[in-house]
Amino acid sequence: MSRHQRAQSLQPYEVQRARSTDVPQRAIESPYLSPREALVYLRLRSFSSLYYLINEQRLPFVRRGGRYLFDRRDLDAWLRGTTAIELIRSRRGA
């Protein structure tokens, strides 16, 4: 085993995986986003911006097991200024 391979094997798994693919992989596609994914999805600059919107109850979210989760459909509707139900109803009527 070369020095490079040994050094690489000592790095955390997440670092190795990120270097190998550079694209996060999910085993099961979920409509829910983690706070980090929501930050990227909404193109916010910092976590403090995200948590400010949560604390002011301006952003749709759910809490499961102490974690914040964001439904992608609700975020899309929130960006459009509607709710997810209104968005579905408008698509069915069109």
C-alpha atoms as a PDB file:
ATOM      1  CA  MET A   1       0.000   0.000   0.000  1.00  0.00           C
ATOM      2  CA  SER A   2       1.489   3.324  -1.033  1.00  0.00           C
ATOM      3  CA  ARG A   3       1.705   6.358   1.232  1.00  0.00           C
ATOM      4  CA  HIS A   4      -1.059   8.090  -0.723  1.00  0.00           C
ATOM      5  CA  GLN A   5      -3.427   5.118  -0.399  1.00  0.00           C
ATOM      6  CA  ARG A   6      -2.700   4.836   3.331  1.00  0.00           C
ATOM      7  CA  ALA A   7      -3.362   8.562   3.880  1.00  0.00           C
ATOM      8  CA  GLN A   8      -6.567   8.349   1.892  1.00  0.00           C
ATOM      9  CA  SER A   9      -7.775   5.338   3.888  1.00  0.00           C
ATOM     10  CA  LEU A  10      -7.342   7.329   7.123  1.00  0.00           C
ATOM     11  CA  GLN A  11      -9.648  10.119   5.967  1.00  0.00           C
ATOM     12  CA  PRO A  12     -13.288  10.105   7.045  1.00  0.00           C
ATOM     13  CA  TYR A  13     -15.666   8.165   4.828  1.00  0.00           C
ATOM     14  CA  GLU A  14     -17.608  11.309   3.880  1.00  0.00           C
ATOM     15  CA  VAL A  15     -14.466  12.987   2.531  1.00  0.00           C
ATOM     16  CA  GLN A  16     -13.546   9.907   0.498  1.00  0.00           C
ATOM     17  CA  ARG A  17     -17.065   9.638  -0.918  1.00  0.00           C
ATOM     18  CA  ALA A  18     -17.242  13.352  -1.761  1.00  0.00           C
ATOM     19  CA  ARG A  19     -13.981  13.161  -3.663  1.00  0.00           C
ATOM     20  CA  SER A  20     -14.961  10.073  -5.564  1.00  0.00           C
ATOM     21  CA  THR A  21     -18.281  11.369  -6.900  1.00  0.00           C
ATOM     22  CA  ASP A  22     -18.527  15.088  -6.003  1.00  0.00           C
ATOM     23  CA  VAL A  23     -22.307  14.587  -6.170  1.00  0.00           C
ATOM     24  CA  PRO A  24     -24.217  13.521  -3.076  1.00  0.00           C
ATOM     25  CA  GLN A  25     -25.874  10.153  -3.642  1.00  0.00           C
ATOM     26  CA  ARG A  26     -29.117   9.065  -2.020  1.00  0.00           C
ATOM     27  CA  ALA A  27     -30.301   5.500  -1.842  1.00  0.00           C
ATOM     28  CA  ILE A  28     -33.979   6.546  -1.791  1.00  0.00           C
ATOM     29  CA  GLU A  29     -35.210   9.780  -3.318  1.00  0.00           C
ATOM     30  CA  SER A  30     -37.272  11.677  -0.773  1.00  0.00           C
ATOM     31  CA  PRO A  31     -39.344  14.835  -1.262  1.00  0.00           C
ATOM     32  CA  TYR A  32     -37.889  16.101   2.036  1.00  0.00           C
ATOM     33  CA  LEU A  33     -34.727  18.175   2.166  1.00  0.00           C
ATOM     34  CA  SER A  34     -32.287  18.527   5.041  1.00  0.00           C
ATOM     35  CA  PRO A  35     -31.413  22.064   6.212  1.00  0.00           C
ATOM     36  CA  ARG A  36     -28.203  21.962   4.153  1.00  0.00           C
ATOM     37  CA  GLU A  37     -30.084  20.877   1.021  1.00  0.00           C
ATOM     38  CA  ALA A  38     -32.790  23.506   1.641  1.00  0.00           C
ATOM     39  CA  LEU A  39     -30.100  26.157   1.974  1.00  0.00           C
ATOM     40  CA  VAL A  40     -28.748  25.258  -1.464  1.00  0.00           C
ATOM     41  CA  TYR A  41     -32.227  24.798  -2.965  1.00  0.00           C
ATOM     42  CA  LEU A  42     -33.398  28.237  -1.810  1.00  0.00           C
ATOM     43  CA  ARG A  43     -30.026  29.811  -2.634  1.00  0.00           C
ATOM     44  CA  LEU A  44     -29.689  31.371   0.792  1.00  0.00           C
ATOM     45  CA  ARG A  45     -26.301  32.630   1.893  1.00  0.00           C
ATOM     46  CA  SER A  46     -26.137  31.231   5.427  1.00  0.00           C
ATOM     47  CA  PHE A  47     -27.757  28.930   7.916  1.00  0.00           C
ATOM     48  CA  SER A  48     -28.657  31.964  10.017  1.00  0.00           C
ATOM     49  CA  SER A  49     -30.896  33.169   7.155  1.00  0.00           C
ATOM     50  CA  LEU A  50     -32.602  29.782   7.019  1.00  0.00           C
ATOM     51  CA  TYR A  51     -33.131  29.571  10.774  1.00  0.00           C
ATOM     52  CA  TYR A  52     -34.376  33.178  10.874  1.00  0.00           C
ATOM     53  CA  LEU A  53     -37.119  32.231   8.394  1.00  0.00           C
ATOM     54  CA  ILE A  54     -37.930  29.157  10.499  1.00  0.00           C
ATOM     55  CA  ASN A  55     -38.128  31.140  13.753  1.00  0.00           C
ATOM     56  CA  GLU A  56     -40.359  33.763  12.156  1.00  0.00           C
ATOM     57  CA  GLN A  57     -42.558  30.921  10.843  1.00  0.00           C
ATOM     58  CA  ARG A  58     -42.226  32.217   7.296  1.00  0.00           C
ATOM     59  CA  LEU A  59     -40.835  29.001   5.832  1.00  0.00           C
ATOM     60  CA  PRO A  60     -42.813  25.730   5.621  1.00  0.00           C
ATOM     61  CA  PHE A  61     -41.083  22.930   7.526  1.00  0.00           C
ATOM     62  CA  VAL A  62     -41.732  19.866   9.647  1.00  0.00           C
ATOM     63  CA  ARG A  63     -39.814  18.541  12.622  1.00  0.00           C
ATOM     64  CA  ARG A  64     -39.127  14.854  12.875  1.00  0.00           C
ATOM     65  CA  GLY A  65     -36.951  13.502  15.650  1.00  0.00           C
ATOM     66  CA  GLY A  66     -35.592  16.942  16.485  1.00  0.00           C
ATOM     67  CA  ARG A  67     -34.528  17.567  12.884  1.00  0.00           C
ATOM     68  CA  TYR A  68     -35.929  20.163  10.524  1.00  0.00           C
ATOM     69  CA  LEU A  69     -37.166  18.770   7.211  1.00  0.00           C
ATOM     70  CA  PHE A  70     -38.408  20.764   4.251  1.00  0.00           C
ATOM     71  CA  ASP A  71     -40.846  19.410   1.683  1.00  0.00           C
ATOM     72  CA  ARG A  72     -39.651  20.401  -1.773  1.00  0.00           C
ATOM     73  CA  ARG A  73     -43.236  20.894  -3.004  1.00  0.00           C
ATOM     74  CA  ASP A  74     -44.038  23.231  -0.106  1.00  0.00           C
ATOM     75  CA  LEU A  75     -40.866  25.210  -0.760  1.00  0.00           C
ATOM     76  CA  ASP A  76     -41.789  25.554  -4.444  1.00  0.00           C
ATOM     77  CA  ALA A  77     -45.252  26.795  -3.497  1.00  0.00           C
ATOM     78  CA  TRP A  78     -43.768  29.137  -0.880  1.00  0.00           C
ATOM     79  CA  LEU A  79     -41.466  30.632  -3.511  1.00  0.00           C
ATOM     80  CA  ARG A  80     -44.491  31.229  -5.747  1.00  0.00           C
ATOM     81  CA  GLY A  81     -46.406  32.819  -2.886  1.00  0.00           C
ATOM     82  CA  THR A  82     -49.070  30.112  -2.612  1.00  0.00           C
ATOM     83  CA  THR A  83     -49.595  26.917  -0.659  1.00  0.00           C
ATOM     84  CA  ALA A  84     -48.971  23.455  -2.048  1.00  0.00           C
ATOM     85  CA  ILE A  85     -52.714  22.684  -2.036  1.00  0.00           C
ATOM     86  CA  GLU A  86     -53.533  25.833  -4.024  1.00  0.00           C
ATOM     87  CA  LEU A  87     -50.795  24.960  -6.495  1.00  0.00           C
ATOM     88  CA  ILE A  88     -52.208  21.442  -7.032  1.00  0.00           C
ATOM     89  CA  ARG A  89     -55.744  22.789  -7.412  1.00  0.00           C
ATOM     90  CA  SER A  90     -54.616  25.337 -10.006  1.00  0.00           C
ATOM     91  CA  ARG A  91     -52.845  22.616 -12.017  1.00  0.00           C
ATOM     92  CA  ARG A  92     -55.912  20.371 -11.988  1.00  0.00           C
ATOM     93  CA  GLY A  93     -58.186  23.196 -13.098  1.00  0.00           C
ATOM     94  CA  ALA A  94     -55.958  24.266 -15.987  1.00  0.00           C
END
